[in-house]
Protein backbone atom coordinates (compact mmCIF):
# COMPACT_ATOMS: atom_id res chain seq x y z
CA MET A 1 -34.45 13.34 -21.78
CA LYS A 2 -34.79 16.42 -19.23
CA LYS A 3 -30.94 17.31 -17.21
CA LYS A 4 -31.04 16.43 -13.90
CA THR A 5 -30.08 20.38 -12.45
CA ASN A 6 -28.16 20.73 -9.26
CA ASN A 7 -30.38 23.18 -7.35
CA SER A 8 -31.08 23.86 -3.61
CA ASN A 9 -34.80 21.38 -4.17
CA ASP A 10 -32.94 18.43 -5.04
CA SER A 11 -31.09 18.45 -2.23
CA CYS A 12 -34.61 17.96 -0.24
CA HIS A 13 -35.43 14.98 -2.05
CA LEU A 14 -32.71 12.73 -0.68
CA PRO A 15 -31.99 10.74 2.27
CA ASP A 16 -30.43 12.15 4.57
CA ASP A 17 -27.09 9.66 4.12
CA GLU A 18 -26.45 10.78 0.56
CA ASN A 19 -27.31 13.93 0.83
CA PRO A 20 -24.13 16.33 1.29
CA LYS A 21 -25.47 19.00 3.15
CA PHE A 22 -25.28 16.88 5.72
CA LEU A 23 -21.53 15.39 5.29
CA PHE A 24 -20.01 17.65 7.93
CA SER A 25 -22.72 17.96 9.98
CA THR A 26 -20.79 15.70 12.31
CA THR A 27 -17.70 16.46 12.07
CA ASN A 28 -15.48 17.92 14.71
CA THR A 29 -14.52 21.47 14.42
CA LYS A 30 -10.78 21.11 14.15
CA LEU A 31 -10.90 18.45 11.33
CA LEU A 32 -12.96 21.55 9.24
CA CYS A 33 -10.97 23.84 10.20
CA GLU A 34 -7.50 21.08 9.37
CA ILE A 35 -9.41 20.28 6.02
CA VAL A 36 -10.11 24.65 5.23
CA THR A 37 -6.89 25.62 5.70
CA GLY A 38 -5.59 22.34 3.72
CA LYS A 39 -3.98 20.20 5.94
CA ILE A 40 -6.23 17.22 5.76
CA ASP A 41 -7.04 16.27 1.80
CA PRO A 42 -10.46 14.98 2.24
CA LYS A 43 -11.24 13.83 -1.21
CA LYS A 44 -7.74 11.17 -0.76
CA LEU A 45 -10.22 10.10 2.36
CA ALA A 46 -12.75 9.12 0.05
CA GLN A 47 -10.69 7.48 -1.63
CA ASN A 48 -8.87 5.93 0.71
CA GLU A 49 -12.72 4.69 2.33
CA LEU A 50 -13.83 3.54 -1.26
CA TRP A 51 -10.29 1.43 -1.76
CA ALA A 52 -10.89 0.20 2.19
CA ARG A 53 -14.48 -1.44 0.75
CA GLY A 54 -13.23 -2.76 -2.31
CA LEU A 55 -14.57 -0.18 -4.62
CA ASN A 56 -13.23 2.43 -7.22
CA ASN A 57 -13.03 5.16 -8.01
CA SER A 58 -16.94 4.87 -9.15
CA GLY A 59 -18.48 2.72 -6.43
CA ILE A 60 -17.68 -0.47 -8.34
CA TRP A 61 -16.65 -3.65 -6.61
CA ILE A 62 -13.20 -4.39 -7.59
CA GLY A 63 -12.30 -7.01 -4.66
CA PHE A 64 -10.02 -5.91 -2.02
CA GLN A 65 -6.86 -7.57 -3.80
CA ARG A 66 -6.97 -5.01 -6.24
CA THR A 67 -6.89 -1.95 -4.19
CA SER A 68 -5.45 -3.57 -0.89
CA LYS A 69 -2.01 -2.36 -2.44
CA LYS A 70 -3.25 0.86 -3.13
CA ALA A 71 -4.62 1.67 0.57
CA LYS A 72 -1.40 -0.05 1.66
CA ASP A 73 0.78 2.54 -0.03
CA ILE A 74 -0.53 5.13 1.79
CA SER A 75 -0.94 4.05 5.04
CA ASP A 76 2.47 3.61 6.25
CA PRO A 77 3.17 7.47 7.01
CA CYS A 78 6.25 9.11 8.37
CA ASP A 79 6.03 9.28 12.26
CA ASP A 80 5.78 13.40 12.09
CA CYS A 81 2.04 12.31 10.55
CA ASP A 82 -0.73 9.62 9.16
CA GLY A 83 -0.50 10.11 5.77
CA ILE A 84 -3.70 12.04 5.36
CA LEU A 85 -2.41 15.20 6.78
CA GLN A 86 -0.28 16.95 4.51
CA CYS A 87 3.03 16.06 5.74
CA LYS A 88 5.67 17.22 2.89
CA ASP A 89 8.49 14.98 3.88
CA CYS A 90 6.38 12.06 4.15
CA HIS A 91 6.65 9.48 1.27
CA VAL A 92 2.83 8.85 1.97
CA PHE A 93 2.40 12.42 0.74
CA ASN A 94 4.25 12.18 -2.08
CA LYS A 95 2.57 9.12 -2.88
CA LEU A 96 -0.77 10.87 -2.68
CA HIS A 97 0.15 13.59 -5.11
CA GLU A 98 1.70 12.12 -7.58
């Protein structure tokens, strides 16, 4: 079996909505800067979105009951942040970075 390589030609054959090259193409510049400087954690955003869809980290349906607790744990931030911005005083930040 031939192993798939990760080269620039591979992304040419993907639909736009699956192509990682376009992941941030419509993202606001301010948000991109906050991602680059570490103020926003895109991995945690993606994980929370999977949970909101009832999916585990492999994209497999596990249901809303199993994922709602996880999503709820990070949806109640302190007054200074929204739980995704990295507020060091926030219990949500601490939960995300356990």
